[in-house]
Amino acid sequence: MPQTTTGKAPATPPALFTPEALVLAPRYREPAPRRTPRNPYLRLFTLPGTRAFTVGNLLARVPMGMFTVSAVIMIADARGSYALAGAVTATGLAATAVVAPFTARLVDRYGQRRVALPATVLAVLGSLSLLLCVHFGAPAWTLFASYAATATTPNTGGLSRARWAHLYRDDPAAVHTANAFEQAVDELCFMAGPVLAAFLCAALFPEAGTLAGAVLLLTGMLLFTAQRATEPPVAPAAGGPRPRSPFLTRGMPHLLTVFLCTGAIFGSMEIVTLAYVDGPVAGPVMALQALGSFLAGLWYGAVRPAPDARRRFLHCLTAMAGLMALPWAAAQTGGLLALAGALLLAGMATAPTMVTGMTLVQQLTPRTQLNEGMSLAVTALLGGIAAGAAAGGWLVEQAGAGTAYILPTAAGALALGVVATGRRHPVAE
């Protein structure tokens, strides 16, 4: 037997597979499977990166409810003219309606990070330019030009919905829940944004709302676009003619008309309610409609949807058309509490309608043009809001606020009529 340098025999290695060793050794156990959350909203965030891009998108989306209020307060305080403030913000809205589809088309072609981030930087520069022009008393035309530059702001909600649609492309139930979640976030931001903007402008200085909105928008978009793993891939460029606009897809014009009518409901309801209440409680009363929509959106996303989205859309529009008559009926009684309850109930039909409408947009639009398709829906919605606000203001002056509540009722009925008479199109089949 060979000897070691110390003159002793090497130690016998321990027996690893003796009966005693096997008894004393710790037993191997299969790792327990990760439990899938039962809550459908929690299940959405089990995929890596979803929480981070949602936080970034939320930060970037809050300013959408801040910029208009902030601009009106800032311009009216410095120039003493609500007419000028309204004209400037209306110009920005019109510019957004024109520019947004082209921005979305570039996003589909080159990717969210390569387009959305530079577009956000340009929009932030427009907001800062407006702030400086107002503060230093620049000519009125500079206000219009500055605010028009903010039209490049990406459709942050659409970018987020596109990511959900890509991540859960083989799970329609999860896409339904994600669309409901995004709609609830929209309602939450449009409730909190104006309140936050008004508070900042009043507590700090008139420009504070615009400045805070610009910072939140840029910070949120930087965080959102940094999540590359969840970004939808860009389809490789193919030879031949450029693909036609999603607007020309069969059924899309009918669907966009419904979005236009829905926007008219929002725009007219806001103006008429402000005129009817006419006081410090007008804001909280008006927010009840968004609160009702927020709560209904969360509920709608938690239930398992019927497989036919077109039939669901028709049912949602029927409910919306009926509930929009409640504020008009409450206004005839002259009771503020009755109006508040009617607005809360009326809002409960809008989120399910919007969620199902966005689902149909995603179904009708080719995957390589998803951002453009959803941007067209938002553009139609904005156009309806502008038209509804203008019509609501005119009717308030002509017939009074109580009578003017007939406008959102009529817009809801028109939306239902568009679908009910278009049964040969994919939206209502």
Protein backbone atom coordinates (compact mmCIF):
# COMPACT_ATOMS: atom_id res chain seq x y z
CA MET A 1 0.00 0.00 0.00
CA PRO A 2 1.48 3.37 -0.94
CA GLN A 3 2.46 5.61 1.97
CA THR A 4 1.86 9.32 2.35
CA THR A 5 4.61 11.74 3.21
CA THR A 6 3.60 11.47 6.89
CA GLY A 7 3.99 7.73 6.80
CA LYS A 8 0.31 6.97 7.37
CA ALA A 9 -2.10 5.20 5.07
CA PRO A 10 -4.63 7.47 3.39
CA ALA A 11 -8.00 7.77 5.14
CA THR A 12 -10.73 5.59 3.75
CA PRO A 13 -13.30 7.80 1.98
CA PRO A 14 -16.72 7.79 3.65
CA ALA A 15 -19.26 5.41 2.26
CA LEU A 16 -21.89 7.45 0.46
CA PHE A 17 -24.33 4.70 -0.39
CA THR A 18 -24.49 2.62 2.76
CA PRO A 19 -27.95 1.95 4.20
CA GLU A 20 -27.13 4.21 7.13
CA ALA A 21 -26.10 7.08 4.85
CA LEU A 22 -29.20 6.78 2.74
CA VAL A 23 -31.40 6.91 5.82
CA LEU A 24 -29.66 9.94 7.28
CA ALA A 25 -29.33 11.88 3.99
CA PRO A 26 -31.88 14.63 3.37
CA ARG A 27 -34.50 13.49 0.93
CA TYR A 28 -34.88 15.34 -2.39
CA ARG A 29 -38.23 16.95 -2.89
CA GLU A 30 -39.69 18.33 -6.08
CA PRO A 31 -40.08 22.13 -5.86
CA ALA A 32 -43.66 23.10 -5.18
CA PRO A 33 -45.32 24.48 -8.30
CA ARG A 34 -45.89 28.21 -8.30
CA ARG A 35 -49.48 28.95 -7.55
CA THR A 36 -51.31 30.95 -10.20
CA PRO A 37 -53.32 33.79 -8.65
CA ARG A 38 -57.06 33.32 -8.94
CA ASN A 39 -57.65 37.05 -9.38
CA PRO A 40 -57.58 37.73 -13.16
CA TYR A 41 -55.86 41.09 -12.64
CA LEU A 42 -53.08 39.55 -10.57
CA ARG A 43 -52.60 36.88 -13.24
CA LEU A 44 -51.84 39.60 -15.77
CA PHE A 45 -48.72 40.59 -13.85
CA THR A 46 -47.19 37.14 -13.52
CA LEU A 47 -45.19 37.69 -16.71
CA PRO A 48 -41.81 39.40 -16.18
CA GLY A 49 -41.66 43.08 -17.03
CA THR A 50 -45.41 43.71 -16.91
CA ARG A 51 -45.30 45.55 -13.59
CA ALA A 52 -42.47 47.83 -14.67
CA PHE A 53 -44.04 48.89 -17.96
CA THR A 54 -47.39 49.42 -16.22
CA VAL A 55 -45.84 51.76 -13.64
CA GLY A 56 -44.09 53.71 -16.39
CA ASN A 57 -47.25 53.93 -18.46
CA LEU A 58 -49.25 55.09 -15.44
CA LEU A 59 -46.79 57.91 -14.76
CA ALA A 60 -46.91 58.94 -18.40
CA ARG A 61 -50.70 58.77 -18.56
CA VAL A 62 -51.57 60.94 -15.53
CA PRO A 63 -50.51 64.13 -17.41
CA MET A 64 -53.15 63.41 -20.07
CA GLY A 65 -55.71 64.64 -17.55
CA MET A 66 -53.49 67.50 -16.41
CA PHE A 67 -52.34 69.38 -19.49
CA THR A 68 -55.63 70.94 -20.62
CA VAL A 69 -56.64 72.14 -17.15
CA SER A 70 -53.11 73.39 -16.47
CA ALA A 71 -52.95 75.29 -19.76
CA VAL A 72 -56.33 76.94 -19.19
CA ILE A 73 -55.42 78.05 -15.66
CA MET A 74 -51.98 79.25 -16.72
CA ILE A 75 -53.12 81.23 -19.78
CA ALA A 76 -56.22 82.67 -18.11
CA ASP A 77 -54.17 83.83 -15.11
CA ALA A 78 -51.52 85.51 -17.24
CA ARG A 79 -53.66 86.88 -20.07
CA GLY A 80 -57.03 87.26 -18.35
CA SER A 81 -58.86 85.52 -21.20
CA TYR A 82 -60.62 82.20 -21.03
CA ALA A 83 -61.46 82.62 -24.71
CA LEU A 84 -57.77 82.61 -25.59
CA ALA A 85 -57.14 79.67 -23.26
CA GLY A 86 -59.97 77.69 -24.84
CA ALA A 87 -58.81 78.48 -28.37
CA VAL A 88 -55.25 77.37 -27.59
CA THR A 89 -56.33 74.06 -26.07
CA ALA A 90 -58.81 73.44 -28.90
CA THR A 91 -55.98 73.95 -31.39
CA GLY A 92 -53.87 71.40 -29.55
CA LEU A 93 -56.75 68.92 -29.59
CA ALA A 94 -57.25 69.37 -33.32
CA ALA A 95 -53.51 68.99 -33.97
CA THR A 96 -53.47 65.78 -31.91
CA ALA A 97 -56.34 64.35 -33.95
CA VAL A 98 -54.31 64.91 -37.13
CA VAL A 99 -50.84 63.89 -35.90
CA ALA A 100 -51.67 60.91 -33.63
CA PRO A 101 -52.41 58.36 -36.40
CA PHE A 102 -49.13 59.18 -38.15
CA THR A 103 -47.19 58.84 -34.90
CA ALA A 104 -48.85 55.48 -34.30
CA ARG A 105 -48.03 54.35 -37.84
CA LEU A 106 -44.36 55.13 -37.21
CA VAL A 107 -44.52 53.16 -33.95
CA ASP A 108 -45.86 50.13 -35.81
CA ARG A 109 -43.15 50.45 -38.44
CA TYR A 110 -40.09 51.18 -36.27
CA GLY A 111 -40.99 50.14 -32.73
CA GLN A 112 -42.20 51.81 -29.56
CA ARG A 113 -38.82 52.83 -28.18
CA ARG A 114 -37.46 54.29 -31.42
CA VAL A 115 -40.53 56.47 -32.03
CA ALA A 116 -42.42 57.03 -28.77
CA LEU A 117 -39.45 58.37 -26.84
CA PRO A 118 -38.38 61.05 -29.39
CA ALA A 119 -42.04 61.99 -29.91
CA THR A 120 -42.42 62.43 -26.15
CA VAL A 121 -39.33 64.64 -25.98
CA LEU A 122 -40.77 66.88 -28.70
CA ALA A 123 -44.12 67.08 -26.88
CA VAL A 124 -42.40 67.96 -23.59
CA LEU A 125 -40.45 70.72 -25.35
CA GLY A 126 -43.78 72.05 -26.65
CA SER A 127 -45.20 72.16 -23.12
CA LEU A 128 -42.11 73.91 -21.78
CA SER A 129 -42.24 76.37 -24.69
CA LEU A 130 -45.86 77.16 -23.84
CA LEU A 131 -44.90 77.72 -20.21
CA LEU A 132 -42.09 80.13 -21.13
CA CYS A 133 -44.17 81.99 -23.71
CA VAL A 134 -46.97 82.54 -21.20
CA HIS A 135 -44.62 83.52 -18.40
CA PHE A 136 -42.64 86.05 -20.44
CA GLY A 137 -45.61 87.53 -22.32
CA ALA A 138 -44.79 86.29 -25.83
CA PRO A 139 -47.26 87.03 -28.67
CA ALA A 140 -50.45 84.99 -28.72
CA TRP A 141 -49.48 83.07 -31.86
CA THR A 142 -46.55 81.50 -29.99
CA LEU A 143 -49.01 79.91 -27.56
CA PHE A 144 -50.85 78.23 -30.42
CA ALA A 145 -47.62 77.03 -32.02
CA SER A 146 -46.23 75.71 -28.73
CA TYR A 147 -49.34 73.82 -27.76
CA ALA A 148 -49.68 72.38 -31.26
CA ALA A 149 -46.21 70.84 -30.82
CA THR A 150 -47.57 68.71 -27.97
CA ALA A 151 -49.63 66.81 -30.57
CA THR A 152 -46.73 64.36 -30.93
CA THR A 153 -47.51 62.95 -27.47
CA PRO A 154 -47.83 59.18 -28.03
CA ASN A 155 -51.07 57.42 -27.23
CA THR A 156 -49.73 55.93 -24.01
CA GLY A 157 -52.84 53.84 -23.40
CA GLY A 158 -52.62 52.41 -26.90
CA LEU A 159 -48.94 51.53 -26.43
CA SER A 160 -49.78 49.63 -23.26
CA ARG A 161 -52.75 47.83 -24.83
CA ALA A 162 -50.52 46.79 -27.73
CA ARG A 163 -48.11 45.16 -25.27
CA TRP A 164 -50.89 43.25 -23.53
CA ALA A 165 -52.28 42.11 -26.88
CA HIS A 166 -48.83 40.82 -27.85
CA LEU A 167 -48.06 39.11 -24.54
CA TYR A 168 -51.46 37.38 -24.32
CA ARG A 169 -52.12 36.92 -28.03
CA ASP A 170 -53.20 33.31 -27.41
CA ASP A 171 -55.40 34.09 -24.39
CA PRO A 172 -58.52 36.14 -25.30
CA ALA A 173 -59.76 36.15 -21.68
CA ALA A 174 -56.51 37.73 -20.49
CA VAL A 175 -56.67 40.35 -23.26
CA HIS A 176 -60.22 41.18 -22.16
CA THR A 177 -59.04 41.66 -18.57
CA ALA A 178 -56.09 43.76 -19.74
CA ASN A 179 -58.34 46.01 -21.81
CA ALA A 180 -60.63 46.46 -18.80
CA PHE A 181 -57.65 47.29 -16.61
CA GLU A 182 -56.39 49.88 -19.10
CA GLN A 183 -59.84 51.47 -19.34
CA ALA A 184 -60.04 51.66 -15.55
CA VAL A 185 -56.61 53.33 -15.52
CA ASP A 186 -57.86 55.82 -18.11
CA GLU A 187 -60.81 56.72 -15.90
CA LEU A 188 -58.60 56.97 -12.83
CA CYS A 189 -56.16 59.30 -14.58
CA PHE A 190 -58.93 61.52 -15.91
CA MET A 191 -60.33 61.74 -12.38
CA ALA A 192 -57.02 62.44 -10.65
CA GLY A 193 -55.27 64.48 -13.35
CA PRO A 194 -57.47 67.62 -13.32
CA VAL A 195 -57.60 67.62 -9.51
CA LEU A 196 -53.82 67.34 -9.25
CA ALA A 197 -53.31 70.06 -11.87
CA ALA A 198 -55.70 72.48 -10.20
CA PHE A 199 -54.11 71.85 -6.80
CA LEU A 200 -50.56 72.44 -8.06
CA CYS A 201 -51.50 75.61 -9.92
CA ALA A 202 -53.33 77.01 -6.89
CA ALA A 203 -50.90 75.90 -4.16
CA LEU A 204 -47.61 76.69 -5.93
CA PHE A 205 -47.75 78.87 -9.05
CA PRO A 206 -49.86 78.92 -12.25
CA GLU A 207 -47.20 77.13 -14.29
CA ALA A 208 -46.74 74.30 -11.77
CA GLY A 209 -49.33 71.99 -13.35
CA THR A 210 -47.76 72.16 -16.80
CA LEU A 211 -44.26 71.71 -15.40
CA ALA A 212 -45.22 68.70 -13.28
CA GLY A 213 -47.09 67.14 -16.19
CA ALA A 214 -44.06 67.46 -18.46
CA VAL A 215 -41.78 65.84 -15.87
CA LEU A 216 -44.20 62.96 -15.26
CA LEU A 217 -44.69 62.36 -18.99
CA LEU A 218 -40.98 62.16 -19.76
CA THR A 219 -40.12 60.10 -16.67
CA GLY A 220 -42.92 57.64 -17.31
CA MET A 221 -42.06 57.20 -20.97
CA LEU A 222 -38.38 56.61 -20.16
CA LEU A 223 -39.36 53.86 -17.74
CA PHE A 224 -41.95 52.42 -20.11
CA THR A 225 -39.71 52.20 -23.17
CA ALA A 226 -36.85 50.76 -21.08
CA GLN A 227 -38.83 47.51 -20.78
CA ARG A 228 -37.66 45.99 -24.04
CA ALA A 229 -38.68 42.40 -23.26
CA THR A 230 -42.40 43.22 -23.37
CA GLU A 231 -42.28 45.44 -26.46
CA PRO A 232 -44.16 44.04 -29.46
CA PRO A 233 -41.78 43.04 -32.26
CA VAL A 234 -41.72 45.09 -35.43
CA ALA A 235 -42.83 43.20 -38.49
CA PRO A 236 -40.07 42.99 -41.12
CA ALA A 237 -40.54 45.34 -44.03
CA ALA A 238 -41.96 43.56 -47.03
CA GLY A 239 -41.68 44.50 -50.63
CA GLY A 240 -44.60 45.78 -52.62
CA PRO A 241 -47.08 48.53 -51.88
CA ARG A 242 -47.46 49.98 -48.40
CA PRO A 243 -50.28 48.30 -46.42
CA ARG A 244 -53.51 50.24 -46.49
CA SER A 245 -54.74 52.17 -43.49
CA PRO A 246 -56.74 50.22 -40.87
CA PHE A 247 -59.47 52.79 -41.48
CA LEU A 248 -60.25 50.96 -44.73
CA THR A 249 -60.72 47.61 -42.98
CA ARG A 250 -64.24 46.29 -43.33
CA GLY A 251 -66.29 47.31 -40.30
CA MET A 252 -63.80 49.87 -39.00
CA PRO A 253 -65.67 53.01 -40.21
CA HIS A 254 -68.80 51.90 -38.33
CA LEU A 255 -66.75 51.22 -35.22
CA LEU A 256 -65.00 54.60 -35.38
CA THR A 257 -68.38 56.29 -35.77
CA VAL A 258 -69.44 54.68 -32.50
CA PHE A 259 -66.27 56.02 -30.83
CA LEU A 260 -67.11 59.45 -32.23
CA CYS A 261 -70.58 59.30 -30.66
CA THR A 262 -69.14 58.06 -27.38
CA GLY A 263 -66.74 60.99 -27.32
CA ALA A 264 -69.69 63.32 -27.90
CA ILE A 265 -71.28 61.85 -24.76
CA PHE A 266 -68.17 62.67 -22.71
CA GLY A 267 -67.72 66.17 -24.14
CA SER A 268 -71.34 67.26 -23.85
CA MET A 269 -71.84 65.71 -20.40
CA GLU A 270 -68.83 67.57 -19.00
CA ILE A 271 -69.84 71.00 -20.31
CA VAL A 272 -73.53 70.61 -19.43
CA THR A 273 -72.74 69.39 -15.90
CA LEU A 274 -70.36 72.30 -15.28
CA ALA A 275 -73.07 74.70 -16.41
CA TYR A 276 -75.84 72.99 -14.44
CA VAL A 277 -74.01 72.73 -11.10
CA ASP A 278 -72.06 76.00 -11.53
CA GLY A 279 -70.09 76.04 -8.30
CA PRO A 280 -67.22 74.52 -6.34
CA VAL A 281 -68.93 71.12 -6.19
CA ALA A 282 -69.13 70.91 -9.99
CA GLY A 283 -65.81 69.07 -10.20
CA PRO A 284 -66.65 66.34 -7.65
CA VAL A 285 -70.12 65.87 -9.13
CA MET A 286 -68.66 65.57 -12.63
CA ALA A 287 -66.06 63.06 -11.37
CA LEU A 288 -68.86 60.69 -10.32
CA GLN A 289 -69.37 59.65 -13.93
CA ALA A 290 -65.70 58.67 -14.21
CA LEU A 291 -65.94 56.90 -10.84
CA GLY A 292 -68.89 54.83 -12.04
CA SER A 293 -67.00 53.93 -15.19
CA PHE A 294 -63.90 53.02 -13.17
CA LEU A 295 -65.81 50.65 -10.89
CA ALA A 296 -67.75 49.06 -13.74
CA GLY A 297 -64.55 48.62 -15.74
CA LEU A 298 -62.89 46.69 -12.91
CA TRP A 299 -65.94 44.47 -12.52
CA TYR A 300 -66.24 43.89 -16.26
CA GLY A 301 -62.63 42.81 -16.54
CA ALA A 302 -62.99 40.30 -13.71
CA VAL A 303 -65.87 38.35 -15.29
CA ARG A 304 -65.45 35.84 -18.07
CA PRO A 305 -66.65 37.52 -21.28
CA ALA A 306 -69.04 35.98 -23.76
CA PRO A 307 -67.11 34.70 -26.78
CA ASP A 308 -68.84 36.94 -29.33
CA ALA A 309 -67.45 40.47 -28.80
CA ARG A 310 -69.81 41.92 -31.43
CA ARG A 311 -72.89 40.77 -29.52
CA ARG A 312 -71.40 42.07 -26.27
CA PHE A 313 -70.79 45.42 -27.93
CA LEU A 314 -74.42 45.68 -28.96
CA HIS A 315 -75.55 44.87 -25.42
CA CYS A 316 -73.16 47.42 -23.90
CA LEU A 317 -74.36 50.13 -26.27
CA THR A 318 -77.97 49.33 -25.42
CA ALA A 319 -77.22 49.75 -21.71
CA MET A 320 -75.28 52.96 -22.34
CA ALA A 321 -78.05 54.49 -24.44
CA GLY A 322 -80.58 53.74 -21.71
CA LEU A 323 -78.50 54.95 -18.77
CA MET A 324 -77.60 58.22 -20.49
CA ALA A 325 -81.22 59.27 -20.09
CA LEU A 326 -80.88 59.25 -16.30
CA PRO A 327 -79.00 62.58 -15.95
CA TRP A 328 -81.60 64.28 -18.15
CA ALA A 329 -84.41 62.88 -16.02
CA ALA A 330 -82.64 63.89 -12.80
CA ALA A 331 -82.03 67.42 -14.11
CA GLN A 332 -85.77 67.89 -14.59
CA THR A 333 -86.31 67.41 -10.84
CA GLY A 334 -83.74 70.05 -9.95
CA GLY A 335 -82.14 67.89 -7.24
CA LEU A 336 -78.34 67.84 -7.03
CA LEU A 337 -78.25 64.51 -5.18
CA ALA A 338 -80.45 62.93 -7.83
CA LEU A 339 -78.13 64.23 -10.54
CA ALA A 340 -75.06 62.93 -8.71
CA GLY A 341 -76.58 59.45 -8.46
CA ALA A 342 -77.66 59.53 -12.09
CA LEU A 343 -74.15 60.45 -13.25
CA LEU A 344 -72.66 57.62 -11.20
CA LEU A 345 -75.05 55.11 -12.78
CA ALA A 346 -74.63 56.54 -16.28
CA GLY A 347 -70.87 56.17 -16.05
CA MET A 348 -71.17 52.46 -15.34
CA ALA A 349 -72.04 51.74 -18.96
CA THR A 350 -69.16 53.61 -20.58
CA ALA A 351 -66.21 51.46 -19.48
CA PRO A 352 -67.71 48.13 -20.65
CA THR A 353 -68.57 49.79 -23.96
CA MET A 354 -65.05 51.17 -24.37
CA VAL A 355 -63.42 47.88 -23.35
CA THR A 356 -65.44 45.88 -25.86
CA GLY A 357 -64.92 48.52 -28.53
CA MET A 358 -61.15 48.36 -28.09
CA THR A 359 -61.33 44.57 -28.26
CA LEU A 360 -63.08 44.87 -31.62
CA VAL A 361 -60.45 47.35 -32.83
CA GLN A 362 -57.77 44.78 -31.98
CA GLN A 363 -59.70 42.06 -33.80
CA LEU A 364 -60.26 44.13 -36.93
CA THR A 365 -56.74 45.59 -37.15
CA PRO A 366 -53.77 43.60 -38.49
CA ARG A 367 -51.20 42.92 -35.75
CA THR A 368 -48.55 44.88 -37.62
CA GLN A 369 -50.77 48.01 -37.51
CA LEU A 370 -52.24 47.66 -34.03
CA ASN A 371 -50.97 50.98 -32.68
CA GLU A 372 -52.35 52.82 -35.71
CA GLY A 373 -55.74 51.15 -35.36
CA MET A 374 -56.08 52.06 -31.68
CA SER A 375 -54.85 55.57 -32.39
CA LEU A 376 -57.67 55.97 -34.92
CA ALA A 377 -60.14 54.99 -32.20
CA VAL A 378 -58.67 57.56 -29.81
CA THR A 379 -58.72 60.19 -32.56
CA ALA A 380 -62.41 59.53 -33.17
CA LEU A 381 -63.02 59.75 -29.44
CA LEU A 382 -61.21 63.11 -29.21
CA GLY A 383 -63.12 64.43 -32.19
CA GLY A 384 -66.38 63.44 -30.52
CA ILE A 385 -65.34 65.12 -27.27
CA ALA A 386 -64.58 68.37 -29.09
CA ALA A 387 -67.86 68.27 -31.05
CA GLY A 388 -69.86 67.33 -27.96
CA ALA A 389 -68.34 70.13 -25.90
CA ALA A 390 -69.08 72.70 -28.60
CA ALA A 391 -72.65 71.48 -29.09
CA GLY A 392 -73.21 71.28 -25.34
CA GLY A 393 -72.05 74.85 -24.78
CA TRP A 394 -74.28 76.13 -27.59
CA LEU A 395 -77.37 74.29 -26.34
CA VAL A 396 -76.80 75.45 -22.74
CA GLU A 397 -76.93 79.04 -23.93
CA GLN A 398 -79.95 78.44 -26.14
CA ALA A 399 -82.14 76.23 -23.95
CA GLY A 400 -80.55 75.95 -20.51
CA ALA A 401 -78.42 73.30 -18.84
CA GLY A 402 -81.33 71.09 -17.79
CA THR A 403 -82.54 70.74 -21.36
CA ALA A 404 -79.00 70.34 -22.71
CA TYR A 405 -78.68 66.96 -20.99
CA ILE A 406 -80.62 65.64 -23.95
CA LEU A 407 -77.37 65.80 -25.97
CA PRO A 408 -75.55 62.87 -24.28
CA THR A 409 -78.83 60.94 -24.43
CA ALA A 410 -79.08 61.56 -28.16
CA ALA A 411 -75.40 60.68 -28.71
CA GLY A 412 -75.87 57.35 -26.92
CA ALA A 413 -78.94 56.56 -29.00
CA LEU A 414 -77.06 57.47 -32.16
CA ALA A 415 -74.18 55.14 -31.25
CA LEU A 416 -76.64 52.30 -30.74
CA GLY A 417 -78.37 53.13 -34.02
CA VAL A 418 -75.09 53.03 -35.95
CA VAL A 419 -74.45 49.46 -34.83
CA ALA A 420 -78.05 48.29 -35.02
CA THR A 421 -78.38 49.45 -38.64
CA GLY A 422 -74.97 48.08 -39.69
CA ARG A 423 -75.72 44.40 -39.19
CA ARG A 424 -73.88 43.44 -42.35
CA HIS A 425 -70.64 44.75 -40.95
CA PRO A 426 -68.37 42.82 -38.58
CA VAL A 427 -69.13 45.20 -35.73
CA ALA A 428 -72.79 44.19 -35.42
CA GLU A 429 -73.07 40.78 -37.04
